[in-house]
Amino acid sequence: MDINRILEELRLEREAIDEVILLLERVEAGRIKRRGRPPRWLQEARNAAADSNGEPWRESKRAISEESRLRMAEAQRRRRERERNEAQKHEAPIQPE
């Protein structure tokens, strides 16, 4: 019996078990509802699992009405204009030499 060979096989088995544990932890973490962008590994797994018509999996997007888009765009323009005006107020005037 070669003890070194047995140790090497046990180490390989331990690595395989560690990989399975990590995979199961990731799967369980994917089931928990969390905020923000999903981790890359989860996104790639979802895209790899295409549905029956061959399209990648996607979360449904909320529909925003045209009126709401226009209101949001106008509000963003006002915010940017206000920021530009505030930045100009804080700039030091250029002194002629």
C-alpha atoms as a PDB file:
ATOM      1  CA  MET A   1       0.000   0.000   0.000  1.00  0.00           C
ATOM      2  CA  ASP A   2       1.455   3.300  -1.101  1.00  0.00           C
ATOM      3  CA  ILE A   3       0.461   5.919   1.455  1.00  0.00           C
ATOM      4  CA  ASN A   4       1.414   8.813  -0.815  1.00  0.00           C
ATOM      5  CA  ARG A   5      -0.980   7.560  -3.508  1.00  0.00           C
ATOM      6  CA  ILE A   6      -3.788   7.214  -0.967  1.00  0.00           C
ATOM      7  CA  LEU A   7      -3.139  10.734   0.336  1.00  0.00           C
ATOM      8  CA  GLU A   8      -3.208  12.122  -3.196  1.00  0.00           C
ATOM      9  CA  GLU A   9      -6.544  10.427  -3.930  1.00  0.00           C
ATOM     10  CA  LEU A  10      -8.023  11.752  -0.689  1.00  0.00           C
ATOM     11  CA  ARG A  11      -6.874  15.281  -1.524  1.00  0.00           C
ATOM     12  CA  LEU A  12      -8.502  15.023  -4.952  1.00  0.00           C
ATOM     13  CA  GLU A  13     -11.741  13.855  -3.371  1.00  0.00           C
ATOM     14  CA  ARG A  14     -11.604  16.711  -0.868  1.00  0.00           C
ATOM     15  CA  GLU A  15     -11.181  19.236  -3.717  1.00  0.00           C
ATOM     16  CA  ALA A  16     -14.145  17.733  -5.538  1.00  0.00           C
ATOM     17  CA  ILE A  17     -16.283  17.906  -2.393  1.00  0.00           C
ATOM     18  CA  ASP A  18     -15.234  21.526  -1.804  1.00  0.00           C
ATOM     19  CA  GLU A  19     -16.285  22.404  -5.358  1.00  0.00           C
ATOM     20  CA  VAL A  20     -19.685  20.773  -4.869  1.00  0.00           C
ATOM     21  CA  ILE A  21     -20.187  22.608  -1.561  1.00  0.00           C
ATOM     22  CA  LEU A  22     -19.315  25.930  -3.216  1.00  0.00           C
ATOM     23  CA  LEU A  23     -21.713  25.231  -6.071  1.00  0.00           C
ATOM     24  CA  LEU A  24     -24.549  24.362  -3.689  1.00  0.00           C
ATOM     25  CA  GLU A  25     -23.895  27.511  -1.642  1.00  0.00           C
ATOM     26  CA  ARG A  26     -24.075  29.596  -4.810  1.00  0.00           C
ATOM     27  CA  VAL A  27     -27.318  27.944  -5.874  1.00  0.00           C
ATOM     28  CA  GLU A  28     -28.844  28.598  -2.450  1.00  0.00           C
ATOM     29  CA  ALA A  29     -27.633  32.209  -2.503  1.00  0.00           C
ATOM     30  CA  GLY A  30     -29.335  32.645  -5.876  1.00  0.00           C
ATOM     31  CA  ARG A  31     -32.704  31.714  -4.394  1.00  0.00           C
ATOM     32  CA  ILE A  32     -32.610  34.492  -1.821  1.00  0.00           C
ATOM     33  CA  LYS A  33     -34.221  37.697  -3.039  1.00  0.00           C
ATOM     34  CA  ARG A  34     -31.537  40.343  -2.950  1.00  0.00           C
ATOM     35  CA  ARG A  35     -31.147  43.892  -4.117  1.00  0.00           C
ATOM     36  CA  GLY A  36     -28.913  45.032  -6.936  1.00  0.00           C
ATOM     37  CA  ARG A  37     -27.382  43.304  -9.904  1.00  0.00           C
ATOM     38  CA  PRO A  38     -27.123  39.517  -9.677  1.00  0.00           C
ATOM     39  CA  PRO A  39     -23.627  38.055  -9.463  1.00  0.00           C
ATOM     40  CA  ARG A  40     -21.970  37.297 -12.784  1.00  0.00           C
ATOM     41  CA  TRP A  41     -21.964  33.534 -12.199  1.00  0.00           C
ATOM     42  CA  LEU A  42     -25.723  33.549 -11.641  1.00  0.00           C
ATOM     43  CA  GLN A  43     -26.368  35.708 -14.684  1.00  0.00           C
ATOM     44  CA  GLU A  44     -24.223  33.428 -16.850  1.00  0.00           C
ATOM     45  CA  ALA A  45     -26.018  30.341 -15.532  1.00  0.00           C
ATOM     46  CA  ARG A  46     -29.403  31.878 -16.350  1.00  0.00           C
ATOM     47  CA  ASN A  47     -28.302  32.852 -19.838  1.00  0.00           C
ATOM     48  CA  ALA A  48     -26.886  29.375 -20.453  1.00  0.00           C
ATOM     49  CA  ALA A  49     -30.240  27.829 -19.581  1.00  0.00           C
ATOM     50  CA  ALA A  50     -32.183  28.979 -22.628  1.00  0.00           C
ATOM     51  CA  ASP A  51     -35.900  28.373 -22.718  1.00  0.00           C
ATOM     52  CA  SER A  52     -37.678  26.292 -25.360  1.00  0.00           C
ATOM     53  CA  ASN A  53     -37.518  28.904 -28.128  1.00  0.00           C
ATOM     54  CA  GLY A  54     -33.762  29.393 -27.686  1.00  0.00           C
ATOM     55  CA  GLU A  55     -33.873  32.876 -26.175  1.00  0.00           C
ATOM     56  CA  PRO A  56     -31.829  33.547 -23.039  1.00  0.00           C
ATOM     57  CA  TRP A  57     -33.596  33.976 -19.713  1.00  0.00           C
ATOM     58  CA  ARG A  58     -34.455  37.566 -18.816  1.00  0.00           C
ATOM     59  CA  GLU A  59     -36.277  39.187 -15.984  1.00  0.00           C
ATOM     60  CA  SER A  60     -39.345  41.035 -17.131  1.00  0.00           C
ATOM     61  CA  LYS A  61     -38.897  44.762 -17.494  1.00  0.00           C
ATOM     62  CA  ARG A  62     -41.355  47.260 -16.139  1.00  0.00           C
ATOM     63  CA  ALA A  63     -43.266  49.166 -18.756  1.00  0.00           C
ATOM     64  CA  ILE A  64     -42.953  52.951 -18.465  1.00  0.00           C
ATOM     65  CA  SER A  65     -45.448  55.110 -20.260  1.00  0.00           C
ATOM     66  CA  GLU A  66     -44.327  57.751 -22.745  1.00  0.00           C
ATOM     67  CA  GLU A  67     -45.705  60.464 -20.464  1.00  0.00           C
ATOM     68  CA  SER A  68     -43.608  59.173 -17.559  1.00  0.00           C
ATOM     69  CA  ARG A  69     -40.489  59.032 -19.723  1.00  0.00           C
ATOM     70  CA  LEU A  70     -40.986  62.626 -20.780  1.00  0.00           C
ATOM     71  CA  ARG A  71     -41.466  63.727 -17.161  1.00  0.00           C
ATOM     72  CA  MET A  72     -38.326  61.872 -16.074  1.00  0.00           C
ATOM     73  CA  ALA A  73     -36.308  63.342 -18.948  1.00  0.00           C
ATOM     74  CA  GLU A  74     -37.449  66.862 -18.101  1.00  0.00           C
ATOM     75  CA  ALA A  75     -36.627  66.354 -14.412  1.00  0.00           C
ATOM     76  CA  GLN A  76     -33.152  65.118 -15.351  1.00  0.00           C
ATOM     77  CA  ARG A  77     -32.585  68.155 -17.585  1.00  0.00           C
ATOM     78  CA  ARG A  78     -33.563  70.452 -14.704  1.00  0.00           C
ATOM     79  CA  ARG A  79     -31.204  68.620 -12.318  1.00  0.00           C
ATOM     80  CA  ARG A  80     -28.289  68.887 -14.734  1.00  0.00           C
ATOM     81  CA  GLU A  81     -28.980  72.565 -15.383  1.00  0.00           C
ATOM     82  CA  ARG A  82     -29.101  73.233 -11.634  1.00  0.00           C
ATOM     83  CA  GLU A  83     -25.791  71.379 -11.153  1.00  0.00           C
ATOM     84  CA  ARG A  84     -24.165  73.378 -13.967  1.00  0.00           C
ATOM     85  CA  ASN A  85     -25.366  76.652 -12.447  1.00  0.00           C
ATOM     86  CA  GLU A  86     -24.075  75.687  -8.998  1.00  0.00           C
ATOM     87  CA  ALA A  87     -20.710  74.654 -10.446  1.00  0.00           C
ATOM     88  CA  GLN A  88     -20.411  78.011 -12.227  1.00  0.00           C
ATOM     89  CA  LYS A  89     -21.165  79.875  -8.980  1.00  0.00           C
ATOM     90  CA  HIS A  90     -18.320  78.118  -7.199  1.00  0.00           C
ATOM     91  CA  GLU A  91     -15.722  78.671  -9.915  1.00  0.00           C
ATOM     92  CA  ALA A  92     -13.216  81.347  -9.094  1.00  0.00           C
ATOM     93  CA  PRO A  93     -13.212  84.268 -11.551  1.00  0.00           C
ATOM     94  CA  ILE A  94     -10.165  84.476 -13.789  1.00  0.00           C
ATOM     95  CA  GLN A  95      -7.910  87.364 -12.777  1.00  0.00           C
ATOM     96  CA  PRO A  96      -6.348  89.246 -15.727  1.00  0.00           C
ATOM     97  CA  GLU A  97      -2.614  89.708 -15.395  1.00  0.00           C
END
